[in-house]
C-alpha cells in the first residue's frame, strides 16, 4: 500500500495539533531560531560539544522529515529481504561452486585467503555469519515511480545505493542524539511519534561486545565521526573508556594454550596512561599490573575484543597472522567489512534473486520483487550485464554513473551526464571489461542514475528554502531493523555530513485505530 502522504519537512511547534501541517518556511524567523537553540542544547546535553566532529551537530535542522507508517514499512520490507539474501550469499561464498561468487566479485588475494580461512573455523572459535551480521547503515535514494493505485498516479520508491558497514558506528550516535533532540522539542504527541527509539539504537551498539571487558578500538588514518562520540558514551556507561590503538602498536605473542596458537596484544604508550589519568581531572580506567606486562622492553596489554575503523589499504598492510587474530576478536565481522560493505554485493543480490526464490528457497517471490524495486540497478565489471552495457554505453551515458566499489562519502563518483562522450567510453571500457581487481588500483561498478525526487527544505537560516534531494539511511543490527536513520540534504548531487551537508531526523505519523 502506498503511503497516505509524501515525505515532507515540518516545523514541530506549528504542526503538533490537529490542524494543517506547517512547513518551517511558514513560521517566523524568531520561532525557528528558538527551536534551533533548543535543538543544539539537547544535542550538547547528549554529547559534549567538543566531541561532535567538526561541530557536525550545528548542521542538524530542528525541522524533521515527516514520514507515514507505510514509508517505514517499505524500508523494513527491503531490509528484511536484504538480510535473508545477503546472509545466504555470504554463507555460500566458498561452497557454492555453481554460483561461483569469488569469480563474479573477486577480492584481493590476501582478502580471499583470510575469508577462506574464516570459513574453516569451528563455531566455538567464530560464530556462523548469521549470528554476526553486525551493524549495517544502508543509504537510499527516493525516486518517483508510476503507481496507478494512487490519486496522483505515482509514488515514492526507496532504492538502496550502498550498504555502509565498514565502520560500525557511523551515523548511529548522530541519529540517536538527533532523535532524542526531537523528543525534547515535543515530537512525541498524539499526532507524531519518533521514527526511531534512540535508547534502542544506543543499547543495540552495546550488544556488539562484552561491556564487562576492556574494549580496544583499532584506528588509523580515518578522522572518524561517531567513533569519538561512542567512546564518550562507553565511558559514561561502563566507567572505562575504550582504548584507541594504532595498527603499528599491535603485537602477537606465541601461546600454545590459545585457540590460534598466539595472543594479540597492543603497546601501552606512556602518553596514553598520562592522558587517561588527566582526562577531566580523573582516572578513567584503572590499570593494574595484571592488565600489563613488559615484553622485549615494551609494556603490553592483551586485546580481547576490538572495533575496527581501518581503510582497506590499512588492513592490507597487516600481516596474515595479525588479520587472523583480529578476525576472531573484531566487529564488524570481516565478512561484513570485505563482502557486505563492497558495493558490488548489491549487484550480486540482484543477479541471484531468481535462485534465492526457486533454488535456495530463501526469499518469497514478493520479497524478490521488493529487492528488484528497492536496489539501484547495479552492473558489475566482467558480468553479462556489463557486456551488454558496453555495447550500448554511448546512448546510455547520461542515465548512469560510475562508482568506486569501496569508497565512502560520495568519493570518486563519475556522472555520465557530466562526462564527455570519449572520456566516458574510455572509462567504462577500462573498468567494466574484467571483474579482476588490482591491489591499490581503482575498481568501479556502474549504477543507474536515479532521478531523485526533490523536496522543499529549509536547512539553514541564511540559505532560505531550497528544492533538494533527500538521501535517506536506516540502521540494522545483527539483522534486526532498528528504524530510519538521519536524512542528508544539500544543493549538490553528492551529499555527506563530512562535506558540509545538512542533516535531520524523522517523526512518524501515529497510526489511527481503524
Protein backbone atom coordinates (compact mmCIF):
# COMPACT_ATOMS: atom_id res chain seq x y z
CA UNK A 1 0.00 0.00 0.00
CA UNK A 2 1.33 3.43 -0.95
CA UNK A 3 1.88 5.99 1.83
CA UNK A 4 -1.02 8.33 2.51
CA UNK A 5 1.26 11.34 2.09
CA UNK A 6 4.61 12.20 0.55
CA UNK A 7 7.71 12.86 2.60
CA UNK A 8 7.70 16.43 3.83
CA UNK A 9 9.58 18.68 6.22
CA UNK A 10 7.55 20.19 9.06
CA UNK A 11 8.04 22.57 11.97
CA UNK A 12 7.04 20.70 15.11
CA UNK A 13 5.69 23.55 17.22
CA UNK A 14 3.27 24.59 14.49
CA UNK A 15 2.21 21.08 13.44
CA UNK A 16 1.58 19.21 16.68
CA UNK A 17 -2.15 19.93 16.90
CA UNK A 18 -4.88 18.51 14.71
CA UNK A 19 -4.70 21.43 12.28
CA UNK A 20 -2.84 21.57 8.97
CA UNK A 21 0.84 20.69 8.85
CA UNK A 22 3.22 23.64 8.69
CA UNK A 23 6.44 23.91 6.72
CA UNK A 24 9.25 25.71 8.58
CA UNK A 25 9.25 28.46 5.94
CA UNK A 26 5.73 29.37 7.12
CA UNK A 27 6.90 30.14 10.66
CA UNK A 28 8.57 33.39 11.67
CA UNK A 29 12.33 33.60 11.96
CA UNK A 30 12.25 34.16 15.72
CA UNK A 31 10.39 30.90 16.33
CA UNK A 32 12.73 28.96 14.05
CA UNK A 33 15.76 30.35 15.86
CA UNK A 34 14.32 29.35 19.23
CA UNK A 35 13.80 25.78 18.00
CA UNK A 36 17.35 25.69 16.65
CA UNK A 37 18.72 26.84 20.02
CA UNK A 38 16.67 24.20 21.86
CA UNK A 39 17.83 21.52 19.42
CA UNK A 40 21.51 22.39 19.87
CA UNK A 41 21.11 22.45 23.65
CA UNK A 42 19.66 18.94 23.56
CA UNK A 43 22.39 17.66 21.24
CA UNK A 44 25.09 19.08 23.51
CA UNK A 45 23.37 17.62 26.57
CA UNK A 46 23.60 14.18 24.93
CA UNK A 47 27.19 14.67 23.78
CA UNK A 48 29.55 17.46 24.82
CA UNK A 49 30.26 19.94 22.08
CA UNK A 50 33.98 19.20 21.89
CA UNK A 51 33.21 15.61 20.86
CA UNK A 52 30.88 16.44 17.97
CA UNK A 53 33.20 16.03 14.95
CA UNK A 54 33.79 19.40 13.31
CA UNK A 55 30.70 20.73 15.13
CA UNK A 56 28.55 18.46 12.98
CA UNK A 57 25.61 18.97 15.34
CA UNK A 58 25.37 22.55 14.09
CA UNK A 59 24.43 21.14 10.66
CA UNK A 60 21.34 19.48 12.13
CA UNK A 61 17.99 21.02 11.28
CA UNK A 62 15.38 21.15 14.06
CA UNK A 63 12.69 20.63 11.44
CA UNK A 64 12.18 16.88 10.90
CA UNK A 65 11.02 14.92 7.91
CA UNK A 66 7.51 13.58 8.49
CA UNK A 67 7.09 10.00 7.32
CA UNK A 68 3.99 7.88 7.01
CA UNK A 69 3.87 4.40 8.63
CA UNK A 70 3.93 2.95 5.11
CA UNK A 71 7.29 4.63 4.45
CA UNK A 72 8.71 2.84 7.48
CA UNK A 73 7.08 -0.44 6.45
CA UNK A 74 8.61 -0.14 2.97
CA UNK A 75 12.13 0.27 4.37
CA UNK A 76 11.60 -2.58 6.81
CA UNK A 77 10.48 -4.88 3.98
CA UNK A 78 13.60 -4.05 1.95
CA UNK A 79 15.83 -4.65 4.95
CA UNK A 80 14.30 -7.98 5.94
CA UNK A 81 14.59 -9.33 2.39
CA UNK A 82 18.12 -7.95 2.03
CA UNK A 83 19.29 -9.65 5.23
CA UNK A 84 17.95 -13.02 4.06
CA UNK A 85 19.55 -12.64 0.64
CA UNK A 86 22.97 -11.45 1.80
CA UNK A 87 23.21 -13.99 4.63
CA UNK A 88 22.55 -16.80 2.17
CA UNK A 89 25.11 -15.45 -0.29
CA UNK A 90 27.86 -14.87 2.29
CA UNK A 91 27.39 -18.29 3.87
CA UNK A 92 27.67 -19.96 0.44
CA UNK A 93 30.52 -17.77 -0.81
CA UNK A 94 33.15 -20.52 -0.93
CA UNK A 95 30.99 -23.64 -1.07
CA UNK A 96 28.50 -22.93 -3.87
CA UNK A 97 30.66 -23.77 -6.85
CA UNK A 98 27.81 -23.24 -9.32
CA UNK A 99 27.20 -19.71 -8.10
CA UNK A 100 30.97 -19.08 -8.28
CA UNK A 101 30.81 -15.87 -6.28
CA UNK A 102 34.62 -15.38 -5.98
CA UNK A 103 34.92 -15.16 -9.77
CA UNK A 104 32.00 -12.76 -10.10
CA UNK A 105 33.13 -10.49 -7.27
CA UNK A 106 36.85 -11.15 -6.81
CA UNK A 107 38.72 -9.73 -3.85
CA UNK A 108 42.41 -9.10 -3.38
CA UNK A 109 44.40 -12.34 -2.85
CA UNK A 110 45.13 -11.79 0.84
CA UNK A 111 41.46 -10.94 1.48
CA UNK A 112 40.31 -14.12 -0.20
CA UNK A 113 42.82 -16.15 1.80
CA UNK A 114 41.54 -14.63 5.04
CA UNK A 115 37.88 -15.29 4.24
CA UNK A 116 38.65 -18.86 3.16
CA UNK A 117 40.40 -19.40 6.49
CA UNK A 118 37.43 -17.91 8.37
CA UNK A 119 35.17 -20.36 6.54
CA UNK A 120 37.10 -23.27 8.10
CA UNK A 121 36.73 -22.12 11.71
CA UNK A 122 34.69 -24.07 14.22
CA UNK A 123 31.63 -22.29 15.70
CA UNK A 124 33.27 -22.11 19.13
CA UNK A 125 36.13 -20.09 17.60
CA UNK A 126 33.95 -17.81 15.46
CA UNK A 127 30.17 -17.96 15.30
CA UNK A 128 28.39 -18.55 11.96
CA UNK A 129 27.84 -15.44 9.89
CA UNK A 130 24.08 -15.32 10.51
CA UNK A 131 24.90 -14.67 14.19
CA UNK A 132 27.48 -11.93 13.43
CA UNK A 133 25.96 -9.66 10.80
CA UNK A 134 26.97 -6.59 12.81
CA UNK A 135 25.82 -3.04 12.08
CA UNK A 136 24.63 -2.02 8.63
CA UNK A 137 23.71 1.52 7.61
CA UNK A 138 22.41 1.45 4.05
CA UNK A 139 21.91 4.68 2.12
CA UNK A 140 18.87 5.00 -0.10
CA UNK A 141 17.59 7.46 -2.69
CA UNK A 142 13.97 8.41 -3.36
CA UNK A 143 12.56 8.06 -6.87
CA UNK A 144 9.08 8.79 -8.19
CA UNK A 145 7.62 5.75 -9.97
CA UNK A 146 4.29 5.08 -11.67
CA UNK A 147 1.54 3.65 -9.48
CA UNK A 148 -1.99 3.65 -10.92
CA UNK A 149 -3.45 2.84 -7.48
CA UNK A 150 -2.62 6.31 -6.12
CA UNK A 151 -4.58 9.51 -6.84
CA UNK A 152 -1.51 11.13 -8.40
CA UNK A 153 -0.57 8.05 -10.43
CA UNK A 154 2.89 7.97 -8.83
CA UNK A 155 4.51 7.06 -5.52
CA UNK A 156 7.88 7.33 -3.81
CA UNK A 157 10.19 4.34 -4.26
CA UNK A 158 13.19 3.90 -1.96
CA UNK A 159 16.28 2.48 -3.69
CA UNK A 160 19.36 1.36 -1.76
CA UNK A 161 22.52 2.62 -3.43
CA UNK A 162 25.10 1.26 -0.95
CA UNK A 163 25.48 -0.51 2.38
CA UNK A 164 27.81 1.24 4.81
CA UNK A 165 29.24 -1.46 7.04
CA UNK A 166 32.99 -0.83 7.22
CA UNK A 167 32.87 1.50 10.24
CA UNK A 168 30.22 0.09 12.53
CA UNK A 169 29.46 3.29 14.47
CA UNK A 170 28.88 5.74 11.66
CA UNK A 171 25.54 7.50 11.86
CA UNK A 172 24.40 5.63 14.98
CA UNK A 173 25.24 8.34 17.51
CA UNK A 174 24.16 11.21 15.25
CA UNK A 175 20.82 9.51 14.71
CA UNK A 176 20.23 8.58 18.35
CA UNK A 177 21.06 12.04 19.65
CA UNK A 178 19.13 13.72 16.82
CA UNK A 179 16.05 11.64 17.59
CA UNK A 180 16.35 12.42 21.29
CA UNK A 181 16.53 16.12 20.44
CA UNK A 182 13.25 15.84 18.54
CA UNK A 183 11.67 14.24 21.60
CA UNK A 184 12.95 17.15 23.67
CA UNK A 185 11.37 19.51 21.14
CA UNK A 186 7.98 17.84 21.61
CA UNK A 187 7.93 15.23 18.85
CA UNK A 188 6.06 12.67 20.96
CA UNK A 189 2.44 13.84 20.69
CA UNK A 190 -0.97 12.44 19.89
CA UNK A 191 -0.13 13.18 16.27
CA UNK A 192 3.51 12.09 15.93
CA UNK A 193 5.98 9.58 17.29
CA UNK A 194 9.73 9.43 16.80
CA UNK A 195 10.74 7.40 13.76
CA UNK A 196 13.28 5.52 15.86
CA UNK A 197 13.76 4.82 19.56
CA UNK A 198 17.12 6.42 20.48
CA UNK A 199 17.54 4.20 23.55
CA UNK A 200 17.05 1.05 21.48
CA UNK A 201 19.64 2.28 19.00
CA UNK A 202 22.28 3.02 21.63
CA UNK A 203 21.55 -0.13 23.64
CA UNK A 204 21.97 -2.11 20.44
CA UNK A 205 25.54 -0.92 19.97
CA UNK A 206 26.46 -2.37 23.35
CA UNK A 207 25.30 -5.83 22.23
CA UNK A 208 28.18 -5.96 19.74
CA UNK A 209 30.73 -6.56 22.51
CA UNK A 210 31.06 -7.57 26.16
CA UNK A 211 30.77 -4.35 28.17
CA UNK A 212 32.36 -6.03 31.23
CA UNK A 213 35.70 -6.46 29.42
CA UNK A 214 38.18 -3.86 28.15
CA UNK A 215 37.41 -2.63 24.65
CA UNK A 216 40.06 -1.57 22.16
CA UNK A 217 39.36 0.48 19.03
CA UNK A 218 41.82 -0.02 16.19
CA UNK A 219 42.01 3.22 14.27
CA UNK A 220 44.22 4.58 11.52
CA UNK A 221 44.01 7.44 9.04
CA UNK A 222 40.23 7.93 9.13
CA UNK A 223 39.46 11.09 11.16
CA UNK A 224 36.32 9.43 12.44
CA UNK A 225 32.85 10.71 13.23
CA UNK A 226 30.69 8.69 15.59
CA UNK A 227 33.60 6.66 16.97
CA UNK A 228 34.66 9.56 19.22
CA UNK A 229 31.08 10.07 20.36
CA UNK A 230 30.82 6.35 21.08
CA UNK A 231 34.00 6.45 23.18
CA UNK A 232 32.44 9.13 25.38
CA UNK A 233 29.21 7.16 25.70
CA UNK A 234 31.03 3.92 26.54
CA UNK A 235 32.97 5.68 29.27
CA UNK A 236 29.74 7.06 30.74
CA UNK A 237 28.05 3.66 30.69
CA UNK A 238 30.87 1.36 31.76
CA UNK A 239 33.32 3.59 33.63
CA UNK A 240 36.10 2.58 31.23
CA UNK A 241 36.99 4.49 28.11
CA UNK A 242 37.71 2.36 25.02
CA UNK A 243 41.42 2.36 24.25
CA UNK A 244 42.44 3.71 20.85
CA UNK A 245 45.15 1.61 19.24
CA UNK A 246 47.22 2.30 16.15
CA UNK A 247 47.91 -0.55 13.70
CA UNK A 248 51.68 -0.35 14.29
CA UNK A 249 51.13 -0.93 18.02
CA UNK A 250 49.75 -4.46 17.53
CA UNK A 251 51.86 -7.39 18.73
CA UNK A 252 51.47 -11.18 18.54
CA UNK A 253 53.00 -13.44 21.18
CA UNK A 254 53.01 -17.25 20.80
CA UNK A 255 50.88 -19.14 23.31
CA UNK A 256 50.24 -22.85 22.80
CA UNK A 257 47.19 -22.62 25.05
CA UNK A 258 45.45 -20.07 22.81
CA UNK A 259 42.99 -21.14 20.11
CA UNK A 260 45.15 -19.79 17.30
CA UNK A 261 48.48 -20.56 18.96
CA UNK A 262 49.17 -16.92 19.83
CA UNK A 263 47.57 -13.98 21.59
CA UNK A 264 47.01 -10.43 20.40
CA UNK A 265 48.42 -7.51 22.37
CA UNK A 266 48.96 -3.80 21.94
CA UNK A 267 51.70 -1.49 23.14
CA UNK A 268 50.73 0.71 26.08
CA UNK A 269 52.18 4.14 25.47
CA UNK A 270 53.27 6.29 28.39
CA UNK A 271 51.36 9.23 26.95
CA UNK A 272 48.22 7.10 26.82
CA UNK A 273 48.50 6.43 30.55
CA UNK A 274 49.03 10.10 31.31
CA UNK A 275 46.12 11.15 29.09
CA UNK A 276 43.82 8.69 30.81
CA UNK A 277 44.74 9.94 34.28
CA UNK A 278 44.43 13.60 33.34
CA UNK A 279 41.20 13.47 31.31
CA UNK A 280 38.73 15.74 33.13
CA UNK A 281 40.99 15.54 36.20
CA UNK A 282 40.26 11.91 36.92
CA UNK A 283 41.46 8.45 36.03
CA UNK A 284 39.04 6.93 33.52
CA UNK A 285 40.36 3.42 33.65
CA UNK A 286 42.28 1.73 36.42
CA UNK A 287 45.17 -0.27 35.04
CA UNK A 288 46.73 -2.90 37.27
CA UNK A 289 49.87 -4.94 36.94
CA UNK A 290 47.66 -7.86 35.97
CA UNK A 291 46.49 -5.97 32.89
CA UNK A 292 50.00 -5.32 31.59
CA UNK A 293 53.45 -6.81 31.37
CA UNK A 294 56.77 -5.96 29.81
CA UNK A 295 57.88 -7.94 26.78
CA UNK A 296 61.10 -7.13 24.91
CA UNK A 297 61.19 -3.71 26.51
CA UNK A 298 57.58 -2.79 25.65
CA UNK A 299 54.64 -2.56 28.02
CA UNK A 300 51.81 -4.63 26.54
CA UNK A 301 48.20 -5.43 27.32
CA UNK A 302 46.02 -8.11 25.76
CA UNK A 303 43.25 -7.32 23.27
CA UNK A 304 40.16 -9.46 23.85
CA UNK A 305 37.69 -7.54 21.67
CA UNK A 306 38.25 -4.78 19.17
CA UNK A 307 36.25 -2.43 17.00
CA UNK A 308 37.84 -1.60 13.64
CA UNK A 309 37.99 1.71 11.85
CA UNK A 310 40.56 0.99 9.15
CA UNK A 311 40.58 1.51 5.42
CA UNK A 312 41.30 -1.38 3.05
CA UNK A 313 44.91 -0.36 2.48
CA UNK A 314 45.48 -0.31 6.24
CA UNK A 315 44.06 -3.81 6.59
CA UNK A 316 46.25 -4.93 3.70
CA UNK A 317 49.36 -3.66 5.48
CA UNK A 318 48.79 -6.01 8.43
CA UNK A 319 50.33 -9.48 8.43
CA UNK A 320 48.09 -12.51 7.75
CA UNK A 321 48.63 -13.66 11.33
CA UNK A 322 47.50 -10.32 12.78
CA UNK A 323 44.49 -10.30 10.45
CA UNK A 324 43.50 -13.74 11.70
CA UNK A 325 43.85 -12.64 15.30
CA UNK A 326 41.71 -9.58 14.62
CA UNK A 327 39.09 -11.62 12.76
CA UNK A 328 38.14 -13.66 15.82
CA UNK A 329 38.01 -10.57 18.06
CA UNK A 330 36.61 -7.79 15.90
CA UNK A 331 33.34 -6.18 14.97
CA UNK A 332 32.06 -5.67 12.44
CA UNK A 333 32.84 -9.19 11.23
CA UNK A 334 35.44 -9.37 8.44
CA UNK A 335 32.80 -10.95 6.19
CA UNK A 336 30.70 -7.83 6.64
CA UNK A 337 33.64 -5.49 6.09
CA UNK A 338 35.02 -7.22 2.99
CA UNK A 339 31.82 -8.51 1.35
CA UNK A 340 28.72 -6.66 2.55
CA UNK A 341 30.31 -3.19 2.55
CA UNK A 342 31.55 -3.74 -1.00
CA UNK A 343 29.09 -2.03 -3.35
CA UNK A 344 29.29 -4.97 -5.74
CA UNK A 345 27.25 -7.01 -3.25
CA UNK A 346 24.12 -5.16 -4.41
CA UNK A 347 24.79 -6.37 -7.95
CA UNK A 348 25.31 -9.93 -6.73
CA UNK A 349 21.99 -9.80 -4.86
CA UNK A 350 20.21 -8.62 -8.00
CA UNK A 351 21.77 -11.38 -10.09
CA UNK A 352 20.80 -14.02 -7.52
CA UNK A 353 17.16 -13.10 -6.94
CA UNK A 354 15.63 -15.89 -9.02
CA UNK A 355 17.86 -18.55 -7.43
CA UNK A 356 17.19 -17.19 -3.95
CA UNK A 357 13.48 -17.81 -4.59
CA UNK A 358 13.43 -21.04 -6.59
CA UNK A 359 16.68 -22.83 -5.73
CA UNK A 360 17.73 -21.67 -2.26
CA UNK A 361 14.13 -21.08 -1.09
CA UNK A 362 15.38 -18.15 1.00
CA UNK A 363 13.10 -15.44 -0.39
CA UNK A 364 9.45 -15.38 -1.32
CA UNK A 365 8.54 -14.13 -4.78
CA UNK A 366 7.18 -10.99 -3.14
CA UNK A 367 10.46 -10.36 -1.31
CA UNK A 368 12.40 -10.77 -4.54
CA UNK A 369 10.24 -8.11 -6.16
CA UNK A 370 10.78 -5.85 -3.15
CA UNK A 371 14.54 -6.09 -3.74
CA UNK A 372 14.26 -5.63 -7.50
CA UNK A 373 12.45 -2.38 -6.87
CA UNK A 374 14.40 -1.44 -3.74
CA UNK A 375 18.01 -1.63 -5.00
CA UNK A 376 19.58 0.75 -7.50
CA UNK A 377 20.23 -1.23 -10.71
CA UNK A 378 23.89 -2.19 -10.38
CA UNK A 379 26.17 -3.59 -13.09
CA UNK A 380 29.34 -5.48 -12.13
CA UNK A 381 32.54 -5.45 -14.14
CA UNK A 382 33.06 -8.61 -16.17
CA UNK A 383 29.41 -9.64 -15.96
CA UNK A 384 26.97 -10.48 -18.74
CA UNK A 385 25.15 -7.26 -17.91
CA UNK A 386 28.41 -5.33 -18.30
CA UNK A 387 28.99 -6.82 -21.75
CA UNK A 388 25.53 -5.67 -22.87
CA UNK A 389 26.09 -2.26 -21.32
CA UNK A 390 29.39 -1.79 -23.14
CA UNK A 391 27.63 -2.39 -26.46
CA UNK A 392 25.22 0.44 -25.73
CA UNK A 393 27.15 2.69 -23.35
CA UNK A 394 27.27 5.79 -25.62
CA UNK A 395 23.47 6.02 -25.74
CA UNK A 396 23.14 5.20 -22.03
CA UNK A 397 25.80 7.61 -20.80
CA UNK A 398 23.55 10.30 -19.35
CA UNK A 399 21.47 7.88 -17.30
CA UNK A 400 24.31 6.12 -15.47
CA UNK A 401 27.24 6.73 -13.16
CA UNK A 402 30.49 5.03 -12.24
CA UNK A 403 31.10 4.39 -8.55
CA UNK A 404 34.18 3.11 -6.73
CA UNK A 405 33.37 -0.27 -5.20
CA UNK A 406 34.70 0.52 -1.71
CA UNK A 407 34.66 4.27 -1.33
CA UNK A 408 32.58 6.32 1.07
CA UNK A 409 31.19 9.84 1.44
CA UNK A 410 30.48 10.08 -2.29
CA UNK A 411 34.16 9.95 -3.23
CA UNK A 412 35.03 9.05 -6.80
CA UNK A 413 31.56 9.11 -8.37
CA UNK A 414 31.66 9.84 -12.12
CA UNK A 415 28.33 11.02 -13.55
CA UNK A 416 27.80 10.12 -17.17
CA UNK A 417 25.94 13.33 -17.92
CA UNK A 418 28.92 15.34 -16.64
CA UNK A 419 31.44 13.43 -18.76
CA UNK A 420 32.48 13.94 -22.36
CA UNK A 421 31.45 11.03 -24.57
CA UNK A 422 35.02 9.94 -25.30
CA UNK A 423 36.03 10.18 -21.64
CA UNK A 424 33.01 8.14 -20.54
CA UNK A 425 33.57 5.50 -23.18
CA UNK A 426 37.22 5.12 -22.21
CA UNK A 427 36.40 4.75 -18.53
CA UNK A 428 33.60 2.22 -18.86
CA UNK A 429 35.68 0.06 -21.19
CA UNK A 430 38.65 0.25 -18.85
CA UNK A 431 36.73 -0.56 -15.68
CA UNK A 432 33.89 -2.84 -16.84
CA UNK A 433 35.69 -5.25 -19.15
CA UNK A 434 37.12 -7.51 -16.43
CA UNK A 435 35.97 -8.44 -12.94
CA UNK A 436 39.57 -8.67 -11.70
CA UNK A 437 40.67 -6.01 -9.25
CA UNK A 438 44.25 -4.94 -8.69
CA UNK A 439 45.95 -4.07 -5.43
CA UNK A 440 45.92 -0.28 -4.94
CA UNK A 441 44.11 0.14 -8.27
CA UNK A 442 40.69 1.82 -8.57
CA UNK A 443 37.79 -0.53 -9.31
CA UNK A 444 34.36 0.66 -10.37
CA UNK A 445 30.85 -0.57 -10.98
CA UNK A 446 28.00 1.11 -12.85
CA UNK A 447 24.68 2.13 -11.34
CA UNK A 448 21.66 3.61 -13.00
CA UNK A 449 21.43 7.26 -12.10
CA UNK A 450 18.25 7.56 -10.04
CA UNK A 451 16.13 10.58 -10.93
CA UNK A 452 15.60 11.65 -7.35
CA UNK A 453 12.56 13.43 -6.00
CA UNK A 454 13.04 16.98 -4.81
CA UNK A 455 11.57 18.32 -1.59
CA UNK A 456 11.15 21.82 -0.21
CA UNK A 457 13.53 22.02 2.74
CA UNK A 458 14.83 24.76 4.98
CA UNK A 459 18.24 23.66 6.21
CA UNK A 460 20.00 26.80 7.45
CA UNK A 461 18.58 30.25 8.16
CA UNK A 462 20.87 32.09 5.77
CA UNK A 463 20.10 29.84 2.82
CA UNK A 464 16.31 30.07 2.59
CA UNK A 465 14.05 27.34 1.28
CA UNK A 466 15.59 25.01 -1.30
CA UNK A 467 14.25 22.26 -3.54
CA UNK A 468 16.72 19.49 -2.68
CA UNK A 469 17.12 15.75 -2.83
CA UNK A 470 16.90 13.73 0.38
CA UNK A 471 19.38 10.90 0.94
CA UNK A 472 17.95 8.51 3.50
CA UNK A 473 19.55 5.98 5.81
CA UNK A 474 18.35 3.23 8.05
CA UNK A 475 20.02 1.11 10.72
CA UNK A 476 20.22 -2.64 11.08
CA UNK A 477 21.97 -4.52 13.87
CA UNK A 478 22.70 -8.25 13.62
CA UNK A 479 19.84 -8.48 11.14
CA UNK A 480 17.29 -6.55 13.21
CA UNK A 481 15.67 -3.49 11.67
CA UNK A 482 16.03 -0.57 14.09
CA UNK A 483 14.36 2.13 12.02
CA UNK A 484 15.07 5.08 9.79
CA UNK A 485 18.26 7.00 10.40
CA UNK A 486 19.07 10.57 9.53
CA UNK A 487 18.40 12.29 6.23
CA UNK A 488 21.15 14.22 4.46
CA UNK A 489 20.36 17.11 2.18
CA UNK A 490 22.17 19.80 0.25
CA UNK A 491 22.06 21.55 -3.11
CA UNK A 492 24.73 19.33 -4.68
CA UNK A 493 24.40 15.93 -6.33
CA UNK A 494 26.54 14.26 -3.68
CA UNK A 495 25.84 14.99 -0.03
CA UNK A 496 27.84 13.98 3.06
CA UNK A 497 27.82 15.39 6.58
CA UNK A 498 31.61 15.44 6.48
CA UNK A 499 31.41 17.73 3.42
CA UNK A 500 29.04 20.46 4.65
CA UNK A 501 25.79 18.59 4.12
CA UNK A 502 22.89 19.30 6.46
CA UNK A 503 21.04 16.55 8.30
CA UNK A 504 17.77 15.97 10.07
CA UNK A 505 15.86 13.13 11.68
CA UNK A 506 12.27 11.93 11.28
CA UNK A 507 8.95 11.82 13.02
CA UNK A 508 6.27 9.35 12.05
CA UNK A 509 2.55 9.99 11.85
CA UNK A 510 0.78 7.95 14.50
CA UNK A 511 -1.39 5.20 13.15
CA UNK A 512 -5.03 5.76 13.92
CA UNK A 513 -7.28 2.86 15.01
CA UNK A 514 -9.40 1.65 12.14
